Amino acid sequence: MLGLIIACEIGFWVFVLGGLFFRYILRMKRIGAILLLLTPVVDLVLAVATVMDLRQGAVATTMHGVAAIYIGVSVAFGHRMIKWADERFAHRFAGGPKPKGKPKFGFEHAMYECKMWALHLLGCGIGVGMLYGMIYFVGDAARTESLMSIIQLWGVVLAIDFVWSFSYLIWPKKSKGERALKL
């Protein structure tokens, strides 16, 4: 299962980089778009393989849980990752504008962090939904115990991320110049 997860991660980036290569370097926009549109197929392959493995009687392991996490994160953040790479390729190979970095200070930074947490929540919702689906599908608590542990751990991580992300609304990150003025 670990090998399949790694292969899917590699496959995701092969489709992304291949799509951008065709779009910007070879100037074959249609093929580039097709390759970029195929990135969700990687998630589908992983989901089907995970379900088939469980259907064949496998005991759900941490790797099955990691597959659900991967799919949740990929769905929630995948578009953003592709956009990030696309902006850099456009700048480097097609004379596009220099990509903007993420906001580093103040209210803009706080809002960025809150939006990232919202995407984390979305990914968690998708992943946990899949995990509960696996638990229901298997129908045997002894065979899915590790999946419940992953759900609990992900809840803790999401809560920590919430506190971290939203703390910037109360204590905004300041630039060195702003900190120096305060001293």
C-alpha atoms as a PDB file:
ATOM      1  CA  MET A   1       0.000   0.000   0.000  1.00  0.00           C
ATOM      2  CA  LEU A   2       2.865   2.388   0.813  1.00  0.00           C
ATOM      3  CA  GLY A   3       4.319   1.793  -2.638  1.00  0.00           C
ATOM      4  CA  LEU A   4       0.994   2.671  -4.245  1.00  0.00           C
ATOM      5  CA  ILE A   5       0.718   5.894  -2.227  1.00  0.00           C
ATOM      6  CA  ILE A   6       4.236   6.891  -3.275  1.00  0.00           C
ATOM      7  CA  ALA A   7       3.463   5.972  -6.895  1.00  0.00           C
ATOM      8  CA  CYS A   8       0.310   8.107  -6.777  1.00  0.00           C
ATOM      9  CA  GLU A   9       2.214  11.082  -5.379  1.00  0.00           C
ATOM     10  CA  ILE A  10       4.813  10.688  -8.120  1.00  0.00           C
ATOM     11  CA  GLY A  11       2.020  10.267 -10.675  1.00  0.00           C
ATOM     12  CA  PHE A  12       0.356  13.475  -9.500  1.00  0.00           C
ATOM     13  CA  TRP A  13       3.534  15.459 -10.049  1.00  0.00           C
ATOM     14  CA  VAL A  14       4.269  13.712 -13.377  1.00  0.00           C
ATOM     15  CA  PHE A  15       0.856  14.862 -14.649  1.00  0.00           C
ATOM     16  CA  VAL A  16       1.358  18.379 -13.264  1.00  0.00           C
ATOM     17  CA  LEU A  17       4.896  18.855 -14.564  1.00  0.00           C
ATOM     18  CA  GLY A  18       4.084  17.092 -17.838  1.00  0.00           C
ATOM     19  CA  GLY A  19       1.063  19.316 -18.334  1.00  0.00           C
ATOM     20  CA  LEU A  20       3.081  22.445 -17.650  1.00  0.00           C
ATOM     21  CA  PHE A  21       5.926  21.222 -19.876  1.00  0.00           C
ATOM     22  CA  PHE A  22       3.535  20.701 -22.784  1.00  0.00           C
ATOM     23  CA  ARG A  23       1.719  23.977 -22.101  1.00  0.00           C
ATOM     24  CA  TYR A  24       4.695  26.312 -21.772  1.00  0.00           C
ATOM     25  CA  ILE A  25       7.776  24.698 -23.286  1.00  0.00           C
ATOM     26  CA  LEU A  26       6.309  22.759 -26.205  1.00  0.00           C
ATOM     27  CA  ARG A  27       3.423  25.268 -26.630  1.00  0.00           C
ATOM     28  CA  MET A  28       0.931  22.390 -26.913  1.00  0.00           C
ATOM     29  CA  LYS A  29      -1.773  23.871 -24.705  1.00  0.00           C
ATOM     30  CA  ARG A  30      -4.425  21.236 -25.378  1.00  0.00           C
ATOM     31  CA  ILE A  31      -2.187  18.304 -24.404  1.00  0.00           C
ATOM     32  CA  GLY A  32      -0.988  20.283 -21.375  1.00  0.00           C
ATOM     33  CA  ALA A  33      -4.573  20.905 -20.290  1.00  0.00           C
ATOM     34  CA  ILE A  34      -5.460  17.231 -20.716  1.00  0.00           C
ATOM     35  CA  LEU A  35      -2.514  16.167 -18.562  1.00  0.00           C
ATOM     36  CA  LEU A  36      -3.453  18.677 -15.861  1.00  0.00           C
ATOM     37  CA  LEU A  37      -7.055  17.485 -15.945  1.00  0.00           C
ATOM     38  CA  LEU A  38      -5.855  13.917 -15.396  1.00  0.00           C
ATOM     39  CA  THR A  39      -4.408  14.693 -11.957  1.00  0.00           C
ATOM     40  CA  PRO A  40      -7.657  13.681 -10.179  1.00  0.00           C
ATOM     41  CA  VAL A  41      -7.372  10.259 -11.854  1.00  0.00           C
ATOM     42  CA  VAL A  42      -4.446   9.579  -9.535  1.00  0.00           C
ATOM     43  CA  ASP A  43      -6.730  10.068  -6.524  1.00  0.00           C
ATOM     44  CA  LEU A  44      -9.347   7.831  -8.074  1.00  0.00           C
ATOM     45  CA  VAL A  45      -6.794   5.059  -8.675  1.00  0.00           C
ATOM     46  CA  LEU A  46      -5.647   5.256  -5.066  1.00  0.00           C
ATOM     47  CA  ALA A  47      -9.218   5.217  -3.736  1.00  0.00           C
ATOM     48  CA  VAL A  48     -10.198   2.220  -5.867  1.00  0.00           C
ATOM     49  CA  ALA A  49      -7.039   0.303  -4.935  1.00  0.00           C
ATOM     50  CA  THR A  50      -7.601   0.991  -1.244  1.00  0.00           C
ATOM     51  CA  VAL A  51     -11.210  -0.191  -1.389  1.00  0.00           C
ATOM     52  CA  MET A  52     -10.241  -3.282  -3.394  1.00  0.00           C
ATOM     53  CA  ASP A  53      -7.543  -4.157  -0.870  1.00  0.00           C
ATOM     54  CA  LEU A  54     -10.041  -3.927   1.978  1.00  0.00           C
ATOM     55  CA  ARG A  55     -12.671  -5.802  -0.031  1.00  0.00           C
ATOM     56  CA  GLN A  56     -10.244  -8.674  -0.454  1.00  0.00           C
ATOM     57  CA  GLY A  57     -10.119  -9.042   3.323  1.00  0.00           C
ATOM     58  CA  ALA A  58      -7.064  -7.004   4.259  1.00  0.00           C
ATOM     59  CA  VAL A  59      -6.901  -5.664   7.794  1.00  0.00           C
ATOM     60  CA  ALA A  60      -7.041  -1.869   7.583  1.00  0.00           C
ATOM     61  CA  THR A  61      -3.612  -0.480   8.390  1.00  0.00           C
ATOM     62  CA  THR A  62      -2.120   2.926   8.889  1.00  0.00           C
ATOM     63  CA  MET A  63      -1.272   2.896   5.167  1.00  0.00           C
ATOM     64  CA  HIS A  64      -4.973   2.647   4.287  1.00  0.00           C
ATOM     65  CA  GLY A  65      -5.471   5.671   6.523  1.00  0.00           C
ATOM     66  CA  VAL A  66      -2.590   7.513   4.878  1.00  0.00           C
ATOM     67  CA  ALA A  67      -4.257   6.853   1.512  1.00  0.00           C
ATOM     68  CA  ALA A  68      -7.393   8.611   2.786  1.00  0.00           C
ATOM     69  CA  ILE A  69      -5.297  11.489   4.137  1.00  0.00           C
ATOM     70  CA  TYR A  70      -3.469  11.777   0.821  1.00  0.00           C
ATOM     71  CA  ILE A  71      -6.734  11.912  -1.119  1.00  0.00           C
ATOM     72  CA  GLY A  72      -8.279  14.477   1.252  1.00  0.00           C
ATOM     73  CA  VAL A  73      -5.234  16.731   1.112  1.00  0.00           C
ATOM     74  CA  SER A  74      -4.904  16.285  -2.641  1.00  0.00           C
ATOM     75  CA  VAL A  75      -8.518  17.285  -3.256  1.00  0.00           C
ATOM     76  CA  ALA A  76      -8.352  20.244  -0.863  1.00  0.00           C
ATOM     77  CA  PHE A  77      -4.929  21.589  -1.844  1.00  0.00           C
ATOM     78  CA  GLY A  78      -4.369  20.082  -5.312  1.00  0.00           C
ATOM     79  CA  HIS A  79      -5.773  23.006  -7.302  1.00  0.00           C
ATOM     80  CA  ARG A  80      -3.706  25.431  -5.241  1.00  0.00           C
ATOM     81  CA  MET A  81      -0.526  23.382  -5.790  1.00  0.00           C
ATOM     82  CA  ILE A  82      -1.146  23.223  -9.537  1.00  0.00           C
ATOM     83  CA  LYS A  83      -1.815  26.977  -9.659  1.00  0.00           C
ATOM     84  CA  TRP A  84       1.420  27.604  -7.723  1.00  0.00           C
ATOM     85  CA  ALA A  85       3.428  25.530 -10.215  1.00  0.00           C
ATOM     86  CA  ASP A  86       1.586  27.048 -13.199  1.00  0.00           C
ATOM     87  CA  GLU A  87       2.429  30.612 -12.116  1.00  0.00           C
ATOM     88  CA  ARG A  88       6.106  29.737 -11.821  1.00  0.00           C
ATOM     89  CA  PHE A  89       6.206  27.967 -15.193  1.00  0.00           C
ATOM     90  CA  ALA A  90       4.377  30.880 -16.857  1.00  0.00           C
ATOM     91  CA  HIS A  91       6.874  33.331 -15.353  1.00  0.00           C
ATOM     92  CA  ARG A  92       9.940  31.261 -16.227  1.00  0.00           C
ATOM     93  CA  PHE A  93       9.004  30.004 -19.689  1.00  0.00           C
ATOM     94  CA  ALA A  94       6.243  32.254 -21.058  1.00  0.00           C
ATOM     95  CA  GLY A  95       7.097  35.745 -19.828  1.00  0.00           C
ATOM     96  CA  GLY A  96       4.290  35.753 -17.303  1.00  0.00           C
ATOM     97  CA  PRO A  97       4.278  38.057 -14.301  1.00  0.00           C
ATOM     98  CA  LYS A  98       6.443  37.255 -11.328  1.00  0.00           C
ATOM     99  CA  PRO A  99       4.416  35.088  -8.933  1.00  0.00           C
ATOM    100  CA  LYS A 100       3.274  36.743  -5.766  1.00  0.00           C
ATOM    101  CA  GLY A 101       4.416  35.151  -2.574  1.00  0.00           C
ATOM    102  CA  LYS A 102       2.122  34.533   0.317  1.00  0.00           C
ATOM    103  CA  PRO A 103       1.496  37.504   2.598  1.00  0.00           C
ATOM    104  CA  LYS A 104       4.068  37.584   5.372  1.00  0.00           C
ATOM    105  CA  PHE A 105       2.765  40.149   7.824  1.00  0.00           C
ATOM    106  CA  GLY A 106      -0.314  41.779   9.273  1.00  0.00           C
ATOM    107  CA  PHE A 107      -3.970  41.120   8.624  1.00  0.00           C
ATOM    108  CA  GLU A 108      -3.308  39.731   5.133  1.00  0.00           C
ATOM    109  CA  HIS A 109      -1.038  37.068   6.645  1.00  0.00           C
ATOM    110  CA  ALA A 110      -3.656  36.246   9.282  1.00  0.00           C
ATOM    111  CA  MET A 111      -6.349  35.821   6.635  1.00  0.00           C
ATOM    112  CA  TYR A 112      -4.037  33.664   4.526  1.00  0.00           C
ATOM    113  CA  GLU A 113      -3.388  31.380   7.500  1.00  0.00           C
ATOM    114  CA  CYS A 114      -7.134  31.153   8.232  1.00  0.00           C
ATOM    115  CA  LYS A 115      -7.831  30.233   4.597  1.00  0.00           C
ATOM    116  CA  MET A 116      -5.141  27.551   4.767  1.00  0.00           C
ATOM    117  CA  TRP A 117      -6.810  26.156   7.879  1.00  0.00           C
ATOM    118  CA  ALA A 118     -10.153  26.115   6.047  1.00  0.00           C
ATOM    119  CA  LEU A 119      -8.526  24.051   3.283  1.00  0.00           C
ATOM    120  CA  HIS A 120      -7.086  21.776   5.976  1.00  0.00           C
ATOM    121  CA  LEU A 121     -10.605  21.391   7.370  1.00  0.00           C
ATOM    122  CA  LEU A 122     -11.913  20.520   3.896  1.00  0.00           C
ATOM    123  CA  GLY A 123      -9.146  17.951   3.378  1.00  0.00           C
ATOM    124  CA  CYS A 124      -9.814  16.534   6.821  1.00  0.00           C
ATOM    125  CA  GLY A 125     -13.534  16.291   6.100  1.00  0.00           C
ATOM    126  CA  ILE A 126     -12.887  14.398   2.867  1.00  0.00           C
ATOM    127  CA  GLY A 127     -10.251  12.137   4.423  1.00  0.00           C
ATOM    128  CA  VAL A 128     -12.260  11.403   7.564  1.00  0.00           C
ATOM    129  CA  GLY A 129     -15.327  10.764   5.430  1.00  0.00           C
ATOM    130  CA  MET A 130     -13.313   8.200   3.491  1.00  0.00           C
ATOM    131  CA  LEU A 131     -11.997   6.668   6.704  1.00  0.00           C
ATOM    132  CA  TYR A 132     -15.501   6.292   8.111  1.00  0.00           C
ATOM    133  CA  GLY A 133     -16.564   4.855   4.757  1.00  0.00           C
ATOM    134  CA  MET A 134     -13.784   2.257   5.015  1.00  0.00           C
ATOM    135  CA  ILE A 135     -14.795   1.436   8.585  1.00  0.00           C
ATOM    136  CA  TYR A 136     -18.413   1.006   7.531  1.00  0.00           C
ATOM    137  CA  PHE A 137     -17.436  -0.974   4.433  1.00  0.00           C
ATOM    138  CA  VAL A 138     -15.269  -3.425   6.370  1.00  0.00           C
ATOM    139  CA  GLY A 139     -17.824  -3.696   9.182  1.00  0.00           C
ATOM    140  CA  ASP A 140     -15.369  -5.194  11.648  1.00  0.00           C
ATOM    141  CA  ALA A 141     -14.038  -2.964  14.444  1.00  0.00           C
ATOM    142  CA  ALA A 142     -11.057  -5.249  15.034  1.00  0.00           C
ATOM    143  CA  ARG A 143      -9.966  -4.889  11.392  1.00  0.00           C
ATOM    144  CA  THR A 144     -10.366  -1.083  11.346  1.00  0.00           C
ATOM    145  CA  GLU A 145      -8.959  -0.071  14.719  1.00  0.00           C
ATOM    146  CA  SER A 146      -6.006   1.758  13.150  1.00  0.00           C
ATOM    147  CA  LEU A 147      -8.376   3.890  11.066  1.00  0.00           C
ATOM    148  CA  MET A 148     -10.124   5.183  14.188  1.00  0.00           C
ATOM    149  CA  SER A 149      -6.725   6.088  15.643  1.00  0.00           C
ATOM    150  CA  ILE A 150      -5.937   8.100  12.518  1.00  0.00           C
ATOM    151  CA  ILE A 151      -9.256   9.950  12.776  1.00  0.00           C
ATOM    152  CA  GLN A 152      -8.480  10.880  16.386  1.00  0.00           C
ATOM    153  CA  LEU A 153      -4.925  11.958  15.572  1.00  0.00           C
ATOM    154  CA  TRP A 154      -6.089  14.052  12.625  1.00  0.00           C
ATOM    155  CA  GLY A 155      -8.615  15.757  14.907  1.00  0.00           C
ATOM    156  CA  VAL A 156      -5.805  16.739  17.277  1.00  0.00           C
ATOM    157  CA  VAL A 157      -3.647  18.007  14.403  1.00  0.00           C
ATOM    158  CA  LEU A 158      -6.587  20.013  13.020  1.00  0.00           C
ATOM    159  CA  ALA A 159      -7.216  21.563  16.449  1.00  0.00           C
ATOM    160  CA  ILE A 160      -3.541  22.539  16.836  1.00  0.00           C
ATOM    161  CA  ASP A 161      -3.554  24.010  13.323  1.00  0.00           C
ATOM    162  CA  PHE A 162      -6.697  25.984  14.218  1.00  0.00           C
ATOM    163  CA  VAL A 163      -5.081  27.534  17.292  1.00  0.00           C
ATOM    164  CA  TRP A 164      -1.882  28.291  15.357  1.00  0.00           C
ATOM    165  CA  SER A 165      -3.635  29.745  12.305  1.00  0.00           C
ATOM    166  CA  PHE A 166      -6.225  31.838  14.093  1.00  0.00           C
ATOM    167  CA  SER A 167      -3.735  33.140  16.658  1.00  0.00           C
ATOM    168  CA  TYR A 168      -2.502  35.493  13.935  1.00  0.00           C
ATOM    169  CA  LEU A 169      -5.835  37.314  14.117  1.00  0.00           C
ATOM    170  CA  ILE A 170      -5.089  38.147  17.757  1.00  0.00           C
ATOM    171  CA  TRP A 171      -1.320  38.518  17.472  1.00  0.00           C
ATOM    172  CA  PRO A 172      -0.555  39.483  13.860  1.00  0.00           C
ATOM    173  CA  LYS A 173       2.911  38.721  12.588  1.00  0.00           C
ATOM    174  CA  LYS A 174       4.906  41.953  12.296  1.00  0.00           C
ATOM    175  CA  SER A 175       7.788  42.876  10.050  1.00  0.00           C
ATOM    176  CA  LYS A 176      11.199  43.627  11.538  1.00  0.00           C
ATOM    177  CA  GLY A 177      10.553  47.329  11.003  1.00  0.00           C
ATOM    178  CA  GLU A 178       7.279  47.197  12.929  1.00  0.00           C
ATOM    179  CA  ARG A 179       8.920  45.256  15.759  1.00  0.00           C
ATOM    180  CA  ALA A 180      11.795  47.733  15.909  1.00  0.00           C
ATOM    181  CA  LEU A 181       9.392  50.678  16.221  1.00  0.00           C
ATOM    182  CA  LYS A 182       7.735  49.006  19.184  1.00  0.00           C
ATOM    183  CA  LEU A 183      11.037  48.684  21.060  1.00  0.00           C
END
